[in-house]
Amino acid sequence: MHAKLHHSVCVFNITDDMSTVFSAGEYRHDLLSILMLQDADNTVIVGNSEIHIKGDALCFLTHNQPLVTAEDLRGECTVIQFNADVFCIQKHDAEVGCNGILFNNLYEPPILAVDRDQLNSFMDIAQRMVVEVEQRNTCCVDMLESYLKQFLISAVRIKKAEQGALKEAQYVEHDKMQQLRQLMDKHYKEQRKLSFYADKLCLSESAIHKLTHKHWGKSFIAILSEKLIMDAKSLLFLTNDTVKEICYDLGFNDPAYFTRFFKKHSGTTPESYRQTIRNSTTTV
């Protein structure tokens, strides 16, 4: 299964040749990526999360987000890569709801376990994408966007059904974490003190600190910082807003402080990140 479509509007690739997409036990790409894993049996690291994949699964990676394996990936892997122009996660989020559930999920690893029938359904959509790219019919990009939307909506439905089952099986602690996540998603730009969220949830700050480490493996501050950096990178990539405008949009009062904050968490300045990601994407 191989297909490539590269032009000024759309960059779209599908391949099942693992030797071309994994290098020294790591997958990383400038494009948005969906990895379809079949018969896997590997421990992988995505971000700060380590997870063992057993059987069939999907993995959703954003720009340059690495997936690292401790050893050669077992089973089969088909990779779909696409740029923001063929399917913009932000533009379609209200309709598809995949941003924060599949991609850019700061609370859980971006891996979705599926059964064989579900995987076959996703593989069928991928095969139709390959045919579309090979035939290059009229409105090819529109058809690819439609197939991607079908793929992502199906994955979101599976993920939400899984989350619903977990919520029914668990108790108050899980509900508190859901409430905290909703509060952070709503207020993180203007409210960055733990005391605000503790008051809203009627919990102590130490209780929230323990819960975030237990359920997310990260501190409250780490989650908040990751959300801000994620938004900053998205705005730097998808808009032409100045760094100062992005700084104020994210609730920072001092552009110089924002630049230091960004460099601390990304290893580069906002200007350098914008130049690098745009140059690398357009030359894929």
C-alpha atoms as a PDB file:
ATOM      1  CA  MET A   1       0.000   0.000   0.000  1.00  0.00           C
ATOM      2  CA  HIS A   2       1.781   3.115  -1.253  1.00  0.00           C
ATOM      3  CA  ALA A   3       0.535   6.501  -2.422  1.00  0.00           C
ATOM      4  CA  LYS A   4       1.959  10.014  -2.604  1.00  0.00           C
ATOM      5  CA  LEU A   5       0.327  13.287  -3.548  1.00  0.00           C
ATOM      6  CA  HIS A   6       2.534  16.383  -3.346  1.00  0.00           C
ATOM      7  CA  HIS A   7       1.597  19.793  -4.710  1.00  0.00           C
ATOM      8  CA  SER A   8       1.237  23.360  -3.447  1.00  0.00           C
ATOM      9  CA  VAL A   9      -2.025  22.696  -1.581  1.00  0.00           C
ATOM     10  CA  CYS A  10      -1.862  19.099  -0.414  1.00  0.00           C
ATOM     11  CA  VAL A  11       0.825  16.792   0.915  1.00  0.00           C
ATOM     12  CA  PHE A  12      -0.529  13.291   1.445  1.00  0.00           C
ATOM     13  CA  ASN A  13       1.319   9.985   1.878  1.00  0.00           C
ATOM     14  CA  ILE A  14       0.356   6.401   2.699  1.00  0.00           C
ATOM     15  CA  THR A  15       2.884   3.620   3.151  1.00  0.00           C
ATOM     16  CA  ASP A  16       3.164   0.242   4.875  1.00  0.00           C
ATOM     17  CA  ASP A  17       6.952  -0.010   4.476  1.00  0.00           C
ATOM     18  CA  MET A  18       8.137   0.340   8.069  1.00  0.00           C
ATOM     19  CA  SER A  19      11.780   0.567   7.023  1.00  0.00           C
ATOM     20  CA  THR A  20      11.067   3.930   5.381  1.00  0.00           C
ATOM     21  CA  VAL A  21       9.201   5.525   8.294  1.00  0.00           C
ATOM     22  CA  PHE A  22      10.994   4.189  11.401  1.00  0.00           C
ATOM     23  CA  SER A  23      14.586   5.149  12.045  1.00  0.00           C
ATOM     24  CA  ALA A  24      16.561   3.688  14.966  1.00  0.00           C
ATOM     25  CA  GLY A  25      13.362   2.770  16.778  1.00  0.00           C
ATOM     26  CA  GLU A  26      11.758   6.194  16.369  1.00  0.00           C
ATOM     27  CA  TYR A  27       8.960   7.597  14.214  1.00  0.00           C
ATOM     28  CA  ARG A  28       8.809  11.368  13.759  1.00  0.00           C
ATOM     29  CA  HIS A  29       7.503  13.435  10.860  1.00  0.00           C
ATOM     30  CA  ASP A  30       6.768  17.048   9.947  1.00  0.00           C
ATOM     31  CA  LEU A  31       3.231  16.096   8.871  1.00  0.00           C
ATOM     32  CA  LEU A  32       0.234  14.992  10.913  1.00  0.00           C
ATOM     33  CA  SER A  33       0.380  11.198  11.115  1.00  0.00           C
ATOM     34  CA  ILE A  34      -1.918   8.257  11.766  1.00  0.00           C
ATOM     35  CA  LEU A  35      -0.201   4.929  12.448  1.00  0.00           C
ATOM     36  CA  MET A  36      -2.367   1.815  12.005  1.00  0.00           C
ATOM     37  CA  LEU A  37      -0.731  -1.013  13.956  1.00  0.00           C
ATOM     38  CA  GLN A  38      -1.689  -4.643  13.374  1.00  0.00           C
ATOM     39  CA  ASP A  39      -0.621  -7.531  15.653  1.00  0.00           C
ATOM     40  CA  ALA A  40       1.680  -5.233  17.613  1.00  0.00           C
ATOM     41  CA  ASP A  41       3.415  -6.325  20.803  1.00  0.00           C
ATOM     42  CA  ASN A  42       5.630  -3.432  21.802  1.00  0.00           C
ATOM     43  CA  THR A  43       6.264  -0.930  24.543  1.00  0.00           C
ATOM     44  CA  VAL A  44       6.359   2.583  23.090  1.00  0.00           C
ATOM     45  CA  ILE A  45       7.033   6.046  24.492  1.00  0.00           C
ATOM     46  CA  VAL A  46       4.997   9.018  23.270  1.00  0.00           C
ATOM     47  CA  GLY A  47       5.791  12.270  25.021  1.00  0.00           C
ATOM     48  CA  ASN A  48       6.209  11.406  28.691  1.00  0.00           C
ATOM     49  CA  SER A  49       3.955   8.343  28.519  1.00  0.00           C
ATOM     50  CA  GLU A  50       5.071   4.738  28.231  1.00  0.00           C
ATOM     51  CA  ILE A  51       2.457   2.273  27.043  1.00  0.00           C
ATOM     52  CA  HIS A  52       2.442  -1.344  25.926  1.00  0.00           C
ATOM     53  CA  ILE A  53       0.513  -1.967  22.703  1.00  0.00           C
ATOM     54  CA  LYS A  54      -0.860  -5.482  22.360  1.00  0.00           C
ATOM     55  CA  GLY A  55      -2.846  -6.359  19.246  1.00  0.00           C
ATOM     56  CA  ASP A  56      -4.348  -3.750  16.906  1.00  0.00           C
ATOM     57  CA  ALA A  57      -4.241   0.000  17.545  1.00  0.00           C
ATOM     58  CA  LEU A  58      -4.201   3.457  16.001  1.00  0.00           C
ATOM     59  CA  CYS A  59      -1.735   6.182  16.974  1.00  0.00           C
ATOM     60  CA  PHE A  60      -2.349   9.878  16.221  1.00  0.00           C
ATOM     61  CA  LEU A  61       0.745  12.105  16.115  1.00  0.00           C
ATOM     62  CA  THR A  62       1.004  15.847  15.553  1.00  0.00           C
ATOM     63  CA  HIS A  63       3.843  17.676  13.809  1.00  0.00           C
ATOM     64  CA  ASN A  64       7.250  16.330  14.895  1.00  0.00           C
ATOM     65  CA  GLN A  65       5.765  14.389  17.826  1.00  0.00           C
ATOM     66  CA  PRO A  66       8.005  11.330  18.292  1.00  0.00           C
ATOM     67  CA  LEU A  67       6.977   7.745  18.953  1.00  0.00           C
ATOM     68  CA  VAL A  68       9.891   5.697  20.304  1.00  0.00           C
ATOM     69  CA  THR A  69      10.082   1.904  20.553  1.00  0.00           C
ATOM     70  CA  ALA A  70      12.493   0.004  22.756  1.00  0.00           C
ATOM     71  CA  GLU A  71      12.988  -2.573  19.996  1.00  0.00           C
ATOM     72  CA  ASP A  72      11.942  -3.269  16.415  1.00  0.00           C
ATOM     73  CA  LEU A  73       8.203  -2.752  15.992  1.00  0.00           C
ATOM     74  CA  ARG A  74       6.440  -6.095  15.784  1.00  0.00           C
ATOM     75  CA  GLY A  75       3.515  -6.755  13.468  1.00  0.00           C
ATOM     76  CA  GLU A  76       2.504  -4.527  10.572  1.00  0.00           C
ATOM     77  CA  CYS A  77       2.188  -0.759  10.386  1.00  0.00           C
ATOM     78  CA  THR A  78       0.458   1.416   7.795  1.00  0.00           C
ATOM     79  CA  VAL A  79       1.118   5.157   8.048  1.00  0.00           C
ATOM     80  CA  ILE A  80      -1.076   7.980   6.753  1.00  0.00           C
ATOM     81  CA  GLN A  81       0.627  11.384   6.639  1.00  0.00           C
ATOM     82  CA  PHE A  82      -1.083  14.644   5.696  1.00  0.00           C
ATOM     83  CA  ASN A  83      -0.615  18.375   6.078  1.00  0.00           C
ATOM     84  CA  ALA A  84      -2.915  20.996   7.541  1.00  0.00           C
ATOM     85  CA  ASP A  85      -4.085  22.137   4.117  1.00  0.00           C
ATOM     86  CA  VAL A  86      -5.768  18.833   3.262  1.00  0.00           C
ATOM     87  CA  PHE A  87      -7.355  18.519   6.685  1.00  0.00           C
ATOM     88  CA  CYS A  88      -7.033  21.214   9.334  1.00  0.00           C
ATOM     89  CA  ILE A  89      -7.619  19.792  12.806  1.00  0.00           C
ATOM     90  CA  GLN A  90      -8.511  23.209  14.179  1.00  0.00           C
ATOM     91  CA  LYS A  91     -10.932  24.047  11.349  1.00  0.00           C
ATOM     92  CA  HIS A  92     -12.878  20.788  11.650  1.00  0.00           C
ATOM     93  CA  ASP A  93     -12.693  20.355  15.426  1.00  0.00           C
ATOM     94  CA  ALA A  94     -16.261  21.493  16.137  1.00  0.00           C
ATOM     95  CA  GLU A  95     -17.573  18.971  13.630  1.00  0.00           C
ATOM     96  CA  VAL A  96     -15.210  16.044  14.134  1.00  0.00           C
ATOM     97  CA  GLY A  97     -14.090  16.693  17.708  1.00  0.00           C
ATOM     98  CA  CYS A  98     -10.740  14.983  17.227  1.00  0.00           C
ATOM     99  CA  ASN A  99      -8.510  17.773  18.538  1.00  0.00           C
ATOM    100  CA  GLY A 100      -7.786  16.960  22.177  1.00  0.00           C
ATOM    101  CA  ILE A 101      -9.287  13.473  21.857  1.00  0.00           C
ATOM    102  CA  LEU A 102      -7.134  11.887  19.157  1.00  0.00           C
ATOM    103  CA  PHE A 103      -4.529  14.564  18.383  1.00  0.00           C
ATOM    104  CA  ASN A 104      -2.996  16.918  20.955  1.00  0.00           C
ATOM    105  CA  ASN A 105      -4.299  14.868  23.880  1.00  0.00           C
ATOM    106  CA  LEU A 106      -2.310  16.071  26.896  1.00  0.00           C
ATOM    107  CA  TYR A 107      -4.054  13.758  29.349  1.00  0.00           C
ATOM    108  CA  GLU A 108      -3.714  10.343  27.704  1.00  0.00           C
ATOM    109  CA  PRO A 109      -1.339   8.684  25.217  1.00  0.00           C
ATOM    110  CA  PRO A 110      -2.560   9.300  21.638  1.00  0.00           C
ATOM    111  CA  ILE A 111      -3.128   5.588  21.108  1.00  0.00           C
ATOM    112  CA  LEU A 112      -6.510   3.975  20.489  1.00  0.00           C
ATOM    113  CA  ALA A 113      -6.898   0.204  20.845  1.00  0.00           C
ATOM    114  CA  VAL A 114      -9.249  -1.293  18.243  1.00  0.00           C
ATOM    115  CA  ASP A 115     -10.503  -4.778  17.431  1.00  0.00           C
ATOM    116  CA  ARG A 116      -9.815  -6.525  14.128  1.00  0.00           C
ATOM    117  CA  ASP A 117     -13.152  -5.591  12.537  1.00  0.00           C
ATOM    118  CA  GLN A 118     -12.596  -1.939  13.406  1.00  0.00           C
ATOM    119  CA  LEU A 119      -9.046  -2.026  12.062  1.00  0.00           C
ATOM    120  CA  ASN A 120     -10.264  -3.612   8.813  1.00  0.00           C
ATOM    121  CA  SER A 121     -12.777  -0.794   8.450  1.00  0.00           C
ATOM    122  CA  PHE A 122     -10.017   1.803   8.850  1.00  0.00           C
ATOM    123  CA  MET A 123      -7.789  -0.090   6.416  1.00  0.00           C
ATOM    124  CA  ASP A 124     -10.618  -0.074   3.885  1.00  0.00           C
ATOM    125  CA  ILE A 125     -10.829   3.733   4.109  1.00  0.00           C
ATOM    126  CA  ALA A 126      -7.048   3.930   3.680  1.00  0.00           C
ATOM    127  CA  GLN A 127      -7.228   1.734   0.585  1.00  0.00           C
ATOM    128  CA  ARG A 128      -9.850   4.030  -0.921  1.00  0.00           C
ATOM    129  CA  MET A 129      -7.483   6.946  -0.265  1.00  0.00           C
ATOM    130  CA  VAL A 130      -4.742   5.111  -2.161  1.00  0.00           C
ATOM    131  CA  VAL A 131      -7.035   4.548  -5.146  1.00  0.00           C
ATOM    132  CA  GLU A 132      -8.022   8.223  -5.123  1.00  0.00           C
ATOM    133  CA  VAL A 133      -4.392   9.364  -5.141  1.00  0.00           C
ATOM    134  CA  GLU A 134      -3.442   6.899  -7.890  1.00  0.00           C
ATOM    135  CA  GLN A 135      -6.318   7.881 -10.161  1.00  0.00           C
ATOM    136  CA  ARG A 136      -5.944  11.664  -9.630  1.00  0.00           C
ATOM    137  CA  ASN A 137      -9.563  12.290 -10.549  1.00  0.00           C
ATOM    138  CA  THR A 138     -11.281  15.693 -10.460  1.00  0.00           C
ATOM    139  CA  CYS A 139     -11.546  17.094  -6.897  1.00  0.00           C
ATOM    140  CA  CYS A 140      -9.050  14.547  -5.600  1.00  0.00           C
ATOM    141  CA  VAL A 141      -8.159  16.671  -2.561  1.00  0.00           C
ATOM    142  CA  ASP A 142     -11.834  17.087  -1.670  1.00  0.00           C
ATOM    143  CA  MET A 143     -12.300  13.300  -1.756  1.00  0.00           C
ATOM    144  CA  LEU A 144      -9.212  12.753   0.404  1.00  0.00           C
ATOM    145  CA  GLU A 145     -10.559  15.249   2.935  1.00  0.00           C
ATOM    146  CA  SER A 146     -13.881  13.391   2.951  1.00  0.00           C
ATOM    147  CA  TYR A 147     -12.175  10.040   3.577  1.00  0.00           C
ATOM    148  CA  LEU A 148     -10.026  11.545   6.340  1.00  0.00           C
ATOM    149  CA  LYS A 149     -13.132  12.951   7.972  1.00  0.00           C
ATOM    150  CA  GLN A 150     -14.790   9.496   7.871  1.00  0.00           C
ATOM    151  CA  PHE A 151     -11.662   7.975   9.388  1.00  0.00           C
ATOM    152  CA  LEU A 152     -11.400  10.506  12.217  1.00  0.00           C
ATOM    153  CA  ILE A 153     -15.119  10.527  13.045  1.00  0.00           C
ATOM    154  CA  SER A 154     -15.072   6.730  13.348  1.00  0.00           C
ATOM    155  CA  ALA A 155     -12.044   6.911  15.644  1.00  0.00           C
ATOM    156  CA  VAL A 156     -13.638   9.640  17.790  1.00  0.00           C
ATOM    157  CA  ARG A 157     -16.776   7.512  18.204  1.00  0.00           C
ATOM    158  CA  ILE A 158     -14.732   4.542  19.398  1.00  0.00           C
ATOM    159  CA  LYS A 159     -12.745   6.745  21.788  1.00  0.00           C
ATOM    160  CA  LYS A 160     -15.830   8.401  23.259  1.00  0.00           C
ATOM    161  CA  ALA A 161     -17.547   5.023  23.737  1.00  0.00           C
ATOM    162  CA  GLU A 162     -14.436   3.837  25.553  1.00  0.00           C
ATOM    163  CA  GLN A 163     -14.395   6.939  27.769  1.00  0.00           C
ATOM    164  CA  GLY A 164     -18.106   6.498  28.560  1.00  0.00           C
ATOM    165  CA  ALA A 165     -17.552   2.926  29.670  1.00  0.00           C
ATOM    166  CA  LEU A 166     -14.673   4.001  31.909  1.00  0.00           C
ATOM    167  CA  LYS A 167     -16.750   6.726  33.512  1.00  0.00           C
ATOM    168  CA  GLU A 168     -19.535   4.305  34.390  1.00  0.00           C
ATOM    169  CA  ALA A 169     -17.064   1.852  35.887  1.00  0.00           C
ATOM    170  CA  GLN A 170     -15.199   4.325  38.032  1.00  0.00           C
ATOM    171  CA  TYR A 171     -16.197   6.729  40.768  1.00  0.00           C
ATOM    172  CA  VAL A 172     -15.855  10.228  42.216  1.00  0.00           C
ATOM    173  CA  GLU A 173     -12.123  10.513  41.602  1.00  0.00           C
ATOM    174  CA  HIS A 174     -12.555  10.079  37.867  1.00  0.00           C
ATOM    175  CA  ASP A 175     -15.348  12.662  37.829  1.00  0.00           C
ATOM    176  CA  LYS A 176     -13.092  15.175  39.587  1.00  0.00           C
ATOM    177  CA  MET A 177     -10.420  14.658  36.953  1.00  0.00           C
ATOM    178  CA  GLN A 178     -12.955  15.196  34.195  1.00  0.00           C
ATOM    179  CA  GLN A 179     -14.101  18.411  35.881  1.00  0.00           C
ATOM    180  CA  LEU A 180     -10.499  19.590  36.249  1.00  0.00           C
ATOM    181  CA  ARG A 181      -9.821  18.896  32.586  1.00  0.00           C
ATOM    182  CA  GLN A 182     -12.903  20.862  31.540  1.00  0.00           C
ATOM    183  CA  LEU A 183     -11.954  23.780  33.777  1.00  0.00           C
ATOM    184  CA  MET A 184      -8.400  23.846  32.434  1.00  0.00           C
ATOM    185  CA  ASP A 185      -9.595  23.679  28.824  1.00  0.00           C
ATOM    186  CA  LYS A 186     -11.865  26.655  29.478  1.00  0.00           C
ATOM    187  CA  HIS A 187      -9.704  28.888  31.698  1.00  0.00           C
ATOM    188  CA  TYR A 188      -6.039  27.993  31.116  1.00  0.00           C
ATOM    189  CA  LYS A 189      -5.232  31.186  29.210  1.00  0.00           C
ATOM    190  CA  GLU A 190      -6.294  33.538  31.978  1.00  0.00           C
ATOM    191  CA  GLN A 191      -6.176  31.350  35.121  1.00  0.00           C
ATOM    192  CA  ARG A 192      -2.831  29.686  35.801  1.00  0.00           C
ATOM    193  CA  LYS A 193      -2.856  29.402  39.579  1.00  0.00           C
ATOM    194  CA  LEU A 194      -3.670  26.038  41.091  1.00  0.00           C
ATOM    195  CA  SER A 195      -5.691  27.781  43.810  1.00  0.00           C
ATOM    196  CA  PHE A 196      -8.332  28.841  41.260  1.00  0.00           C
ATOM    197  CA  TYR A 197      -8.990  25.236  40.220  1.00  0.00           C
ATOM    198  CA  ALA A 198      -8.813  23.946  43.781  1.00  0.00           C
ATOM    199  CA  ASP A 199     -11.533  26.413  44.821  1.00  0.00           C
ATOM    200  CA  LYS A 200     -13.738  25.445  41.877  1.00  0.00           C
ATOM    201  CA  LEU A 201     -13.446  21.723  42.681  1.00  0.00           C
ATOM    202  CA  CYS A 202     -13.602  22.126  46.481  1.00  0.00           C
ATOM    203  CA  LEU A 203     -10.305  20.293  46.806  1.00  0.00           C
ATOM    204  CA  SER A 204      -6.986  21.216  48.362  1.00  0.00           C
ATOM    205  CA  GLU A 205      -4.065  22.118  46.117  1.00  0.00           C
ATOM    206  CA  SER A 206      -2.120  19.087  47.374  1.00  0.00           C
ATOM    207  CA  ALA A 207      -5.063  16.812  46.483  1.00  0.00           C
ATOM    208  CA  ILE A 208      -5.086  18.095  42.903  1.00  0.00           C
ATOM    209  CA  HIS A 209      -1.316  17.713  42.750  1.00  0.00           C
ATOM    210  CA  LYS A 210      -1.613  14.040  43.761  1.00  0.00           C
ATOM    211  CA  LEU A 211      -4.503  13.370  41.371  1.00  0.00           C
ATOM    212  CA  THR A 212      -2.769  14.832  38.314  1.00  0.00           C
ATOM    213  CA  HIS A 213       0.329  12.744  38.974  1.00  0.00           C
ATOM    214  CA  LYS A 214      -1.752   9.619  39.563  1.00  0.00           C
ATOM    215  CA  HIS A 215      -4.017   9.908  36.514  1.00  0.00           C
ATOM    216  CA  TRP A 216      -1.922  11.864  34.011  1.00  0.00           C
ATOM    217  CA  GLY A 217       1.615  11.201  35.198  1.00  0.00           C
ATOM    218  CA  LYS A 218       2.314  14.951  35.158  1.00  0.00           C
ATOM    219  CA  SER A 219       2.029  17.946  37.427  1.00  0.00           C
ATOM    220  CA  PHE A 220      -0.644  20.596  37.057  1.00  0.00           C
ATOM    221  CA  ILE A 221       2.002  23.103  35.932  1.00  0.00           C
ATOM    222  CA  ALA A 222       3.378  20.683  33.328  1.00  0.00           C
ATOM    223  CA  ILE A 223      -0.084  20.168  31.812  1.00  0.00           C
ATOM    224  CA  LEU A 224      -0.765  23.893  31.736  1.00  0.00           C
ATOM    225  CA  SER A 225       2.594  24.619  30.112  1.00  0.00           C
ATOM    226  CA  GLU A 226       2.071  21.924  27.491  1.00  0.00           C
ATOM    227  CA  LYS A 227      -1.335  23.351  26.576  1.00  0.00           C
ATOM    228  CA  LEU A 228       0.137  26.827  26.093  1.00  0.00           C
ATOM    229  CA  ILE A 229       3.059  25.530  24.034  1.00  0.00           C
ATOM    230  CA  MET A 230       0.721  23.385  21.931  1.00  0.00           C
ATOM    231  CA  ASP A 231      -1.450  26.423  21.165  1.00  0.00           C
ATOM    232  CA  ALA A 232       1.573  28.604  20.473  1.00  0.00           C
ATOM    233  CA  LYS A 233       3.030  26.108  17.998  1.00  0.00           C
ATOM    234  CA  SER A 234      -0.317  25.750  16.257  1.00  0.00           C
ATOM    235  CA  LEU A 235      -0.697  29.520  15.894  1.00  0.00           C
ATOM    236  CA  LEU A 236       2.890  29.904  14.677  1.00  0.00           C
ATOM    237  CA  PHE A 237       2.311  27.236  12.045  1.00  0.00           C
ATOM    238  CA  LEU A 238      -1.221  28.002  10.898  1.00  0.00           C
ATOM    239  CA  THR A 239      -1.425  31.811  11.141  1.00  0.00           C
ATOM    240  CA  ASN A 240       0.618  34.828  10.163  1.00  0.00           C
ATOM    241  CA  ASP A 241       0.058  36.535  13.524  1.00  0.00           C
ATOM    242  CA  THR A 242       3.137  38.169  14.982  1.00  0.00           C
ATOM    243  CA  VAL A 243       4.824  36.661  18.023  1.00  0.00           C
ATOM    244  CA  LYS A 244       3.566  39.617  20.056  1.00  0.00           C
ATOM    245  CA  GLU A 245      -0.025  39.010  18.909  1.00  0.00           C
ATOM    246  CA  ILE A 246       0.252  35.317  19.769  1.00  0.00           C
ATOM    247  CA  CYS A 247       1.745  36.232  23.137  1.00  0.00           C
ATOM    248  CA  TYR A 248      -1.265  38.387  24.056  1.00  0.00           C
ATOM    249  CA  ASP A 249      -3.763  35.914  22.584  1.00  0.00           C
ATOM    250  CA  LEU A 250      -2.437  33.231  24.955  1.00  0.00           C
ATOM    251  CA  GLY A 251      -2.748  35.490  27.996  1.00  0.00           C
ATOM    252  CA  PHE A 252       0.893  36.563  28.381  1.00  0.00           C
ATOM    253  CA  ASN A 253       1.529  40.218  29.220  1.00  0.00           C
ATOM    254  CA  ASP A 254       5.212  40.364  28.297  1.00  0.00           C
ATOM    255  CA  PRO A 255       6.445  39.223  24.832  1.00  0.00           C
ATOM    256  CA  ALA A 256       9.994  38.821  26.153  1.00  0.00           C
ATOM    257  CA  TYR A 257       8.764  36.496  28.914  1.00  0.00           C
ATOM    258  CA  PHE A 258       6.672  34.562  26.383  1.00  0.00           C
ATOM    259  CA  THR A 259       9.761  34.047  24.199  1.00  0.00           C
ATOM    260  CA  ARG A 260      11.757  32.759  27.204  1.00  0.00           C
ATOM    261  CA  PHE A 261       8.860  30.476  28.195  1.00  0.00           C
ATOM    262  CA  PHE A 262       8.592  29.094  24.661  1.00  0.00           C
ATOM    263  CA  LYS A 263      12.336  28.495  24.372  1.00  0.00           C
ATOM    264  CA  LYS A 264      12.464  26.779  27.765  1.00  0.00           C
ATOM    265  CA  HIS A 265       9.816  24.240  26.737  1.00  0.00           C
ATOM    266  CA  SER A 266      10.655  23.924  23.032  1.00  0.00           C
ATOM    267  CA  GLY A 267      14.407  24.464  22.850  1.00  0.00           C
ATOM    268  CA  THR A 268      14.029  27.245  20.278  1.00  0.00           C
ATOM    269  CA  THR A 269      12.517  30.696  19.912  1.00  0.00           C
ATOM    270  CA  PRO A 270       9.033  31.218  18.425  1.00  0.00           C
ATOM    271  CA  GLU A 271      10.512  32.866  15.315  1.00  0.00           C
ATOM    272  CA  SER A 272      12.941  29.991  14.726  1.00  0.00           C
ATOM    273  CA  TYR A 273      10.219  27.406  15.283  1.00  0.00           C
ATOM    274  CA  ARG A 274       7.936  29.086  12.712  1.00  0.00           C
ATOM    275  CA  GLN A 275      10.694  29.242  10.121  1.00  0.00           C
ATOM    276  CA  THR A 276      11.787  25.635  10.680  1.00  0.00           C
ATOM    277  CA  ILE A 277       8.349  24.012  10.655  1.00  0.00           C
ATOM    278  CA  ARG A 278       7.168  25.928   7.593  1.00  0.00           C
ATOM    279  CA  ASN A 279      10.341  25.263   5.617  1.00  0.00           C
ATOM    280  CA  SER A 280      10.382  21.557   6.499  1.00  0.00           C
ATOM    281  CA  THR A 281       6.695  21.104   5.616  1.00  0.00           C
ATOM    282  CA  THR A 282       6.892  22.832   2.253  1.00  0.00           C
ATOM    283  CA  THR A 283       9.936  20.816   1.228  1.00  0.00           C
ATOM    284  CA  VAL A 284       8.573  17.365   2.130  1.00  0.00           C
END
